[in-house]
Protein backbone atom coordinates (compact mmCIF):
# COMPACT_ATOMS: atom_id res chain seq x y z
CA MET A 1 87.20 78.14 124.56
CA VAL A 2 84.95 77.07 121.66
CA ASN A 3 86.85 74.92 119.15
CA LEU A 4 85.74 76.76 116.01
CA CYS A 5 87.57 77.95 112.93
CA VAL A 6 85.62 80.92 111.57
CA SER A 7 88.46 82.72 109.78
CA VAL A 8 91.83 81.82 108.29
CA PRO A 9 94.55 83.77 110.16
CA SER A 10 96.45 86.17 107.92
CA VAL A 11 99.79 84.46 108.57
CA LEU A 12 98.42 81.17 107.22
CA LEU A 13 96.58 82.87 104.37
CA LYS A 14 99.82 84.55 103.29
CA PHE A 15 101.57 81.17 103.27
CA LEU A 16 98.74 79.56 101.27
CA MET A 17 98.72 82.23 98.54
CA ALA A 18 101.44 80.20 96.82
CA TYR A 19 98.69 77.69 95.92
CA ARG A 20 96.19 80.27 94.65
CA ASP A 21 96.50 79.34 90.96
CA VAL A 22 95.69 75.68 91.58
CA PHE A 23 92.16 76.38 92.86
CA SER A 24 89.17 78.44 91.82
CA ALA A 25 88.19 81.22 94.27
CA PRO A 26 85.44 79.18 96.05
CA LEU A 27 87.65 76.08 96.14
CA PHE A 28 90.61 78.04 97.51
CA LYS A 29 88.46 79.18 100.44
CA THR A 30 87.54 75.55 101.21
CA PHE A 31 91.19 74.50 100.82
CA ALA A 32 92.38 77.22 103.24
CA PHE A 33 89.80 76.34 105.90
CA TYR A 34 90.57 72.61 105.60
CA VAL A 35 94.30 73.20 106.12
CA ALA A 36 93.59 75.50 109.08
CA ALA A 37 91.17 73.00 110.64
CA LEU A 38 93.71 70.16 110.40
CA MET A 39 95.72 71.96 113.08
CA TYR A 40 92.80 71.87 115.53
CA GLU A 41 92.60 69.22 118.24
CA ARG A 42 89.92 66.58 117.91
CA LYS A 43 89.54 62.90 118.73
CA ARG A 44 89.04 61.93 115.11
CA THR A 45 89.68 63.79 111.86
CA ASN A 46 87.35 63.27 108.91
CA ILE A 47 85.21 65.45 106.68
CA GLN A 48 82.38 65.53 109.21
CA THR A 49 84.53 66.56 112.19
CA VAL A 50 86.35 69.19 110.13
CA TRP A 51 83.03 70.59 108.98
CA ALA A 52 81.80 70.62 112.60
CA ASP A 53 84.68 72.98 113.47
CA VAL A 54 84.18 75.24 110.41
CA PRO A 55 80.64 76.68 110.45
CA VAL A 56 81.43 79.02 107.52
CA CYS A 57 81.80 76.08 105.08
CA SER A 58 79.43 73.23 104.29
CA TYR A 59 80.02 69.50 104.46
CA ASP A 60 79.42 69.27 100.70
CA GLN A 61 82.16 71.82 100.00
CA PHE A 62 84.76 69.77 101.86
CA HIS A 63 83.55 66.51 100.32
CA TYR A 64 83.63 68.02 96.81
CA MET A 65 87.17 69.37 97.31
CA LEU A 66 88.55 65.97 98.36
CA SER A 67 86.54 63.73 96.05
CA ARG A 68 85.41 65.41 92.85
CA ALA A 69 87.05 68.82 92.32
CA LYS A 70 89.60 69.16 89.51
CA TRP A 71 93.02 69.65 91.05
CA ASP A 72 96.17 67.57 91.21
CA HIS A 73 97.77 66.84 94.59
CA GLU A 74 101.16 66.55 92.85
CA ASP A 75 100.85 70.18 91.67
CA VAL A 76 100.18 71.21 95.28
CA ASN A 77 103.17 69.14 96.44
CA ARG A 78 105.46 70.85 93.92
CA LEU A 79 104.30 74.31 95.08
CA ARG A 80 104.74 73.30 98.75
CA VAL A 81 108.36 72.31 98.14
CA GLN A 82 108.99 75.48 96.12
CA LYS A 83 107.61 77.57 99.00
CA LEU A 84 109.91 75.90 101.54
CA GLN A 85 112.85 76.17 99.14
CA SER A 86 112.25 79.91 98.65
CA ASP A 87 113.57 80.93 102.10
CA HIS A 88 117.07 80.19 103.38
CA ARG A 89 115.68 79.29 106.81
CA THR A 90 113.54 76.44 105.46
CA ARG A 91 115.27 75.34 102.25
CA SER A 92 117.33 72.20 101.84
CA SER A 93 121.11 72.26 102.16
CA PRO A 94 124.04 70.13 100.96
CA ARG A 95 124.58 69.39 104.67
CA GLY A 96 121.17 67.71 104.89
CA PHE A 97 119.91 64.25 103.96
CA LEU A 98 117.18 62.65 101.88
CA VAL A 99 115.51 59.90 103.92
CA ILE A 100 113.35 57.14 102.39
CA ASP A 101 110.88 55.14 104.49
CA ASP A 102 107.25 54.06 104.51
CA THR A 103 104.41 54.40 106.98
CA ALA A 104 101.08 52.64 107.39
CA ASN A 105 97.64 54.00 108.21
CA PRO A 106 95.62 51.21 109.91
CA LYS A 107 91.97 51.04 108.84
CA SER A 108 88.93 49.32 110.34
CA LYS A 109 87.19 46.31 108.82
CA THR A 110 84.51 48.60 107.42
CA CYS A 111 87.14 50.08 105.06
CA LYS A 112 87.74 46.91 103.01
CA ALA A 113 86.16 48.58 99.98
CA THR A 114 88.52 51.57 100.19
CA GLU A 115 90.86 51.69 97.21
CA ALA A 116 94.41 50.33 97.86
CA VAL A 117 93.55 49.18 101.40
CA ALA A 118 94.65 45.60 102.01
CA VAL A 119 95.93 43.30 104.73
CA GLN A 120 99.69 43.91 104.71
CA HIS A 121 102.56 44.55 107.07
CA CYS A 122 101.80 47.52 109.32
CA GLY A 123 104.93 49.09 110.77
CA VAL A 124 102.85 51.05 113.29
CA THR A 125 101.61 47.91 115.01
CA GLY A 126 104.30 45.45 113.87
CA ASP A 127 101.85 42.89 112.48
CA GLU A 128 99.70 42.16 109.43
CA ARG A 129 96.51 44.18 109.29
CA LEU A 130 94.20 46.17 107.05
CA CYS A 131 95.90 49.45 106.17
CA HIS A 132 97.04 51.95 103.59
CA SER A 133 100.80 52.02 103.02
CA VAL A 134 102.59 55.17 101.87
CA VAL A 135 106.24 55.46 100.81
CA PHE A 136 107.79 58.80 101.80
CA SER A 137 110.84 60.89 101.16
CA ALA A 138 111.79 63.56 103.70
CA TYR A 139 114.49 66.20 103.95
CA CYS A 140 116.28 66.17 107.32
CA ASP A 141 119.11 68.19 108.80
CA GLU A 142 120.12 69.26 112.30
CA SER A 143 117.57 72.10 112.54
CA LYS A 144 114.52 70.95 110.58
CA HIS A 145 112.75 68.12 108.80
CA TRP A 146 109.88 68.11 106.32
CA PRO A 147 108.26 65.72 103.82
CA VAL A 148 109.43 66.06 100.24
CA SER A 149 107.06 63.69 98.42
CA PHE A 150 105.03 60.54 98.93
CA LYS A 151 103.78 57.68 96.79
CA PRO A 152 100.85 55.44 97.77
CA TYR A 153 101.65 51.74 97.59
CA ARG A 154 99.01 49.67 95.83
CA PRO A 155 99.30 46.00 96.87
CA ALA A 156 99.07 43.51 94.01
CA SER A 157 96.00 41.97 95.66
CA THR A 158 94.06 45.22 95.07
CA LEU A 159 94.78 45.33 91.31
CA PRO A 160 92.94 43.32 88.61
CA LEU A 161 96.11 41.74 87.15
CA GLY A 162 98.10 41.54 90.37
CA GLN A 163 101.83 42.17 89.92
CA ASP A 164 101.33 42.13 86.13
CA ASP A 165 99.00 45.12 86.34
CA PRO A 166 100.50 48.23 84.69
CA ASP A 167 99.61 50.24 87.82
CA PHE A 168 101.58 47.97 90.15
CA LYS A 169 104.86 49.29 91.56
CA SER A 170 106.81 47.71 94.37
CA LYS A 171 107.90 49.81 97.32
CA LEU A 172 111.48 49.55 96.05
CA THR A 173 110.44 51.01 92.69
CA LEU A 174 108.53 53.77 94.46
CA ALA A 175 111.65 54.54 96.51
CA GLY A 176 113.58 55.04 93.27
CA ASP A 177 110.82 57.28 91.92
CA LEU A 178 111.00 59.40 95.09
CA ILE A 179 114.76 59.83 94.73
CA ASP A 180 114.27 61.02 91.14
CA GLU A 181 111.46 63.36 92.18
CA ALA A 182 113.60 64.91 94.92
CA LEU A 183 116.33 65.60 92.37
CA SER A 184 113.84 67.12 89.91
CA LEU A 185 112.48 69.38 92.69
CA GLY A 186 115.98 70.71 93.37
CA ILE A 187 116.36 69.22 96.85
CA GLN A 188 119.97 69.49 98.02
CA PHE A 189 121.41 66.73 100.20
CA SER A 190 124.65 64.90 100.82
CA ASP A 191 123.40 61.32 101.25
CA VAL A 192 120.34 59.14 100.82
CA LEU A 193 119.45 57.33 104.07
CA PHE A 194 117.22 54.25 104.16
CA ASP A 195 116.66 51.39 106.62
CA ASN A 196 117.43 47.72 106.07
CA TRP A 197 114.12 47.01 104.28
CA TYR A 198 115.29 49.24 101.40
CA PHE A 199 118.89 47.98 101.62
CA THR A 200 118.62 46.10 98.32
CA PRO A 201 120.60 46.02 95.06
CA GLN A 202 117.67 47.67 93.26
CA VAL A 203 117.60 50.79 95.45
CA ILE A 204 121.39 51.01 95.72
CA ARG A 205 121.92 50.68 91.95
CA HIS A 206 119.28 53.37 91.43
CA ALA A 207 121.10 55.78 93.78
CA GLU A 208 124.59 55.03 92.48
CA ALA A 209 123.47 55.43 88.85
CA ARG A 210 122.76 59.06 89.84
CA ASN A 211 126.14 59.42 91.58
CA LEU A 212 124.52 59.61 95.00
CA ALA A 213 126.09 58.58 98.28
CA TRP A 214 124.00 56.38 100.55
CA ILE A 215 124.02 55.03 104.11
CA SER A 216 121.90 52.14 105.33
CA GLU A 217 121.69 49.63 108.16
CA ALA A 218 122.32 45.95 107.52
CA ALA A 219 119.79 43.40 108.71
CA ALA A 220 120.97 40.59 110.98
CA ASP A 221 121.00 38.11 108.06
CA THR A 222 122.97 40.31 105.64
CA ILE A 223 125.98 38.34 104.36
CA LEU A 224 129.42 39.98 104.49
CA PHE A 225 132.92 38.60 103.89
CA TYR A 226 135.36 39.06 106.77
CA LYS A 227 138.93 37.68 106.51
CA GLY A 228 137.87 35.32 103.75
CA LYS A 229 134.88 33.96 105.65
CA ARG A 230 131.25 34.45 104.82
CA LEU A 231 129.38 35.73 107.87
CA ARG A 232 125.97 37.05 108.78
CA ALA A 233 125.99 40.58 110.18
CA ASP A 234 125.01 39.37 113.66
CA ALA A 235 127.87 36.83 113.63
CA LEU A 236 130.33 39.46 112.39
CA VAL A 237 129.78 41.48 115.55
CA GLU A 238 131.05 38.55 117.64
CA ARG A 239 134.10 37.95 115.41
CA VAL A 240 135.52 41.48 115.45
CA PRO A 241 138.07 41.68 118.29
CA PRO A 242 137.57 44.31 121.03
CA HIS A 243 140.77 46.18 120.08
CA ASP A 244 139.20 47.05 116.69
CA PHE A 245 136.64 49.26 118.43
CA LYS A 246 139.06 52.17 118.48
CA GLU A 247 136.64 55.04 117.96
CA ALA A 248 133.53 56.38 119.67
CA ALA A 249 130.56 58.47 118.58
CA THR A 250 128.29 60.52 120.79
CA LEU A 251 124.69 60.77 119.59
CA THR A 252 121.70 62.61 121.00
CA ASP A 253 118.58 60.46 120.91
CA PRO A 254 115.08 61.89 120.24
CA SER A 255 114.52 62.39 123.98
CA GLY A 256 117.62 64.62 124.19
CA LYS A 257 119.76 62.08 126.03
CA GLU A 258 123.36 61.67 124.87
CA ARG A 259 124.55 58.15 124.11
CA ARG A 260 128.11 57.04 123.52
CA LEU A 261 128.67 54.19 121.05
CA GLN A 262 131.88 52.21 120.52
CA ILE A 263 132.76 51.91 116.85
CA ALA A 264 134.78 49.58 114.60
CA VAL A 265 135.33 50.52 110.93
CA LEU A 266 135.93 47.86 108.26
CA ASP A 267 136.02 47.73 104.47
CA LEU A 268 134.20 44.52 103.54
CA ARG A 269 132.52 42.92 100.56
CA VAL A 270 128.74 42.67 100.79
CA ARG A 271 127.49 39.57 99.02
CA MET A 272 124.30 41.00 97.51
CA LEU A 273 126.18 44.05 96.17
CA LYS A 274 129.24 42.11 94.93
CA THR A 275 131.47 45.01 95.88
CA LYS A 276 133.30 46.40 98.89
CA CYS A 277 131.62 48.93 101.14
CA ARG A 278 132.55 50.71 104.32
CA VAL A 279 131.01 48.82 107.24
CA VAL A 280 130.64 50.45 110.66
CA ILE A 281 129.79 48.37 113.71
CA ALA A 282 128.37 50.42 116.56
CA LYS A 283 127.97 48.78 119.97
CA GLY A 284 125.34 50.15 122.32
CA PRO A 285 121.61 50.96 122.06
CA TYR A 286 120.67 54.14 120.21
CA LEU A 287 117.25 54.50 121.89
CA THR A 288 116.06 53.88 125.44
CA ASP A 289 113.85 51.01 124.28
CA ASP A 290 116.24 49.83 121.54
CA PRO A 291 116.23 45.99 121.66
CA ASP A 292 119.55 45.75 119.77
CA GLU A 293 122.90 46.10 121.51
CA TRP A 294 124.68 46.57 118.20
CA HIS A 295 124.05 48.07 114.76
CA VAL A 296 125.88 47.49 111.49
CA TYR A 297 125.87 50.43 109.07
CA VAL A 298 126.89 50.11 105.42
CA THR A 299 127.77 52.92 103.00
CA ASN A 300 129.47 53.59 99.69
CA HIS A 301 131.46 56.36 101.41
CA ARG A 302 135.05 55.10 101.49
CA VAL A 303 136.68 58.09 103.18
CA LEU A 304 134.27 59.14 105.94
CA SER A 305 135.22 58.25 109.50
CA GLY A 306 133.11 55.83 111.53
CA PRO A 307 131.79 58.49 113.94
CA GLU A 308 130.80 60.72 111.02
CA ILE A 309 128.87 57.89 109.34
CA VAL A 310 127.04 57.05 112.59
CA CYS A 311 126.20 60.72 113.23
CA ARG A 312 124.84 61.11 109.70
CA TRP A 313 122.73 58.01 110.14
CA GLY A 314 121.37 59.42 113.39
CA LEU A 315 119.58 62.17 111.43
CA ARG A 316 117.47 59.49 109.73
CA TRP A 317 115.26 59.78 112.82
CA GLY A 318 113.90 63.00 111.33
CA ILE A 319 111.51 61.07 109.09
CA GLU A 320 110.06 59.32 112.15
CA GLU A 321 109.44 62.78 113.61
CA VAL A 322 107.70 63.76 110.37
CA PHE A 323 105.40 60.73 110.63
CA ARG A 324 104.65 61.46 114.29
CA GLU A 325 103.87 65.14 113.62
CA LEU A 326 101.68 64.37 110.60
CA LYS A 327 99.66 61.77 112.50
CA ASP A 328 99.52 63.15 116.04
CA THR A 329 99.11 66.84 115.19
CA LEU A 330 97.55 66.94 111.72
CA GLY A 331 95.38 63.82 111.38
CA PHE A 332 97.33 62.39 108.44
CA ASP A 333 96.14 58.85 109.21
CA GLN A 334 92.54 59.84 109.99
CA TYR A 335 90.18 60.03 107.04
CA GLN A 336 87.04 58.35 105.78
CA VAL A 337 87.13 58.37 101.99
CA ARG A 338 86.73 55.58 99.47
CA SER A 339 88.98 56.60 96.57
CA LEU A 340 92.77 56.65 96.59
CA ARG A 341 92.67 60.07 94.94
CA ALA A 342 90.73 61.53 97.86
CA ALA A 343 93.12 59.88 100.35
CA CYS A 344 96.14 61.32 98.51
CA ARG A 345 94.53 64.75 98.60
CA HIS A 346 93.98 64.51 102.37
CA TRP A 347 97.60 63.37 102.84
CA GLU A 348 98.89 66.25 100.74
CA LEU A 349 96.83 68.84 102.63
CA ALA A 350 98.25 67.47 105.89
CA CYS A 351 101.72 67.97 104.35
CA VAL A 352 100.76 71.56 103.45
CA ALA A 353 99.78 72.17 107.09
CA HIS A 354 103.09 70.60 108.17
CA GLY A 355 104.92 72.90 105.76
CA PHE A 356 103.23 75.91 107.35
CA LEU A 357 104.27 74.77 110.84
CA VAL A 358 107.88 74.34 109.68
CA TYR A 359 107.76 77.77 108.03
CA ALA A 360 106.29 79.41 111.16
CA LYS A 361 108.80 77.76 113.49
CA GLN A 362 111.90 78.46 111.40
CA LEU A 363 110.90 82.07 110.71
CA GLY A 364 109.81 82.74 114.31
CA VAL A 365 106.34 83.85 113.22
CA PHE A 366 104.81 83.39 116.69
CA HIS A 367 107.75 84.42 118.90
CA LYS A 368 105.99 87.67 119.82
CA GLU A 369 102.95 85.74 121.01
CA THR A 370 104.73 83.80 123.78
CA PRO A 371 107.77 84.33 126.03
CA ASP A 372 108.43 80.58 126.02
CA VAL A 373 110.82 78.83 123.67
CA ILE A 374 109.00 77.13 120.80
CA ASP A 375 110.69 73.73 120.57
CA THR A 376 108.35 71.60 118.50
CA LEU A 377 105.86 71.84 115.66
CA GLY A 378 103.22 70.80 118.20
CA ASP A 379 103.99 74.02 120.12
CA VAL A 380 103.50 76.02 116.91
CA ALA A 381 100.17 74.30 116.22
CA PHE A 382 98.99 75.03 119.79
CA ILE A 383 99.78 78.76 119.45
CA PHE A 384 98.16 78.87 116.00
CA ARG A 385 94.84 77.39 117.09
CA SER A 386 94.82 79.45 120.31
CA LEU A 387 95.06 82.63 118.25
CA ALA A 388 92.65 81.41 115.57
CA MET A 389 89.98 80.51 118.14
CA LEU A 390 90.00 84.04 119.60
CA ASP A 391 87.64 84.97 116.76
CA SER A 392 85.13 82.28 117.75
CA ARG A 393 83.31 84.05 120.57
CA PRO A 394 82.65 87.39 118.78
CA TRP A 395 81.58 85.48 115.64
CA ILE A 396 79.07 83.43 117.65
CA ALA A 397 77.71 86.63 119.24
CA GLU A 398 77.19 88.21 115.81
CA HIS A 399 75.89 85.08 114.07
CA ARG A 400 73.91 83.39 116.84
CA ASP A 401 71.17 82.02 114.59
CA GLU A 402 73.66 80.78 111.99
CA TYR A 403 75.69 79.06 114.72
CA ARG A 404 72.58 77.39 116.19
CA ALA A 405 71.60 76.13 112.75
CA HIS A 406 75.12 74.75 112.21
CA VAL A 407 75.10 72.95 115.57
CA ALA A 408 71.71 71.43 114.73
CA LYS A 409 73.01 70.17 111.36
CA VAL A 410 76.12 68.68 112.93
CA TYR A 411 74.03 66.97 115.62
CA ALA A 412 71.63 65.58 113.03
CA ALA A 413 74.53 64.26 110.93
CA ARG A 414 76.12 62.55 113.94
CA ASN A 415 72.83 61.17 115.25
CA PRO A 416 70.69 60.22 112.25
CA ARG A 417 67.13 59.41 113.24
CA LYS A 418 66.08 55.89 112.45
CA PRO A 419 62.62 55.49 110.92
CA ARG A 420 60.08 54.22 113.40
CA ALA A 421 58.81 50.70 112.91
CA LYS A 422 55.19 50.54 111.86
CA ARG A 423 52.82 49.15 114.44
CA ALA A 424 51.08 45.96 113.62
CA ALA A 425 47.41 46.41 112.83
């Protein structure tokens, strides 16, 4: 089947009407086709490949929308959250969690001039490389997960005055901003979850100043006080006697496999926080390829049981699912733009497409189209593009000359002719 997007399906158009006031009529059309095209399969997503799949829009229209048009991606983000919050099947709940984490988008050496791109730690590859880094907040519960907001991280090396530049914010500061933004957007949640990189006094003070509960994982070198002795977290695991592991928690990992962890619960003082916290030691790997045989969780909850704390922490994996869906299904990390504003706009439009997939899955929009169970957002995207591409063949039959002209333009853009060298006289 031809991979063309020649019309925006009514179910998507209905979802996107919430954003109608942000864009002019011509710009809204470009916006709608861009969001629809993000759900199409392609080897690489950028303005040129999106335009190749949308013959009813021009390359210049897409480029103008991302780079020069007057609209604020934060306005679109606010409307996206409001749309998801407007239905009980997609809205946040006090039984859910706000998860903070960051993700990196590796870039090639040709992108050194791209704003905010720098050599920095890349969590995707586990080393230092050229990339964009984005700090995220996501809402996660047992039935759904979706991005709440994001903030681009601008390394000090990319700013004129370095860390003294007024535009510089550390990732820890951005995490605090995301917590505040989630509260201002009316997101309901019981706890803030963040990994050991964000397990710092700055983030914890920020959460507790807003009377929020939090759960995190201690790094191996976190210092705790056990029976009057100062110990690293990895040494603490060896000191706790086997008879203290009185409880067990059963977790389901992302692959659907159940794992049983042995648990010890202690109330210990954490040196960097200068206060007592509930510390839960869980023995056993959480994931199939988990290199750690133990995990130490820390929380300001003083009444929750160990199994409950571990089970709540297990839902932190939802933000990793968000990152995977945004990148694998919607091309979040694939773009070729120079300005940070254009990159933020592409990221936000990928989040809008993700919001539609969550909406369609939770509301069962495509259940009549297939007898199979729709388990993942990838399944929803596959059904969406299968239905959308049904219009391709009749459109090509009716607009044969227009289609041929479009194919010729795309080919010329992908294979620019080099000027011939002049022959020597």
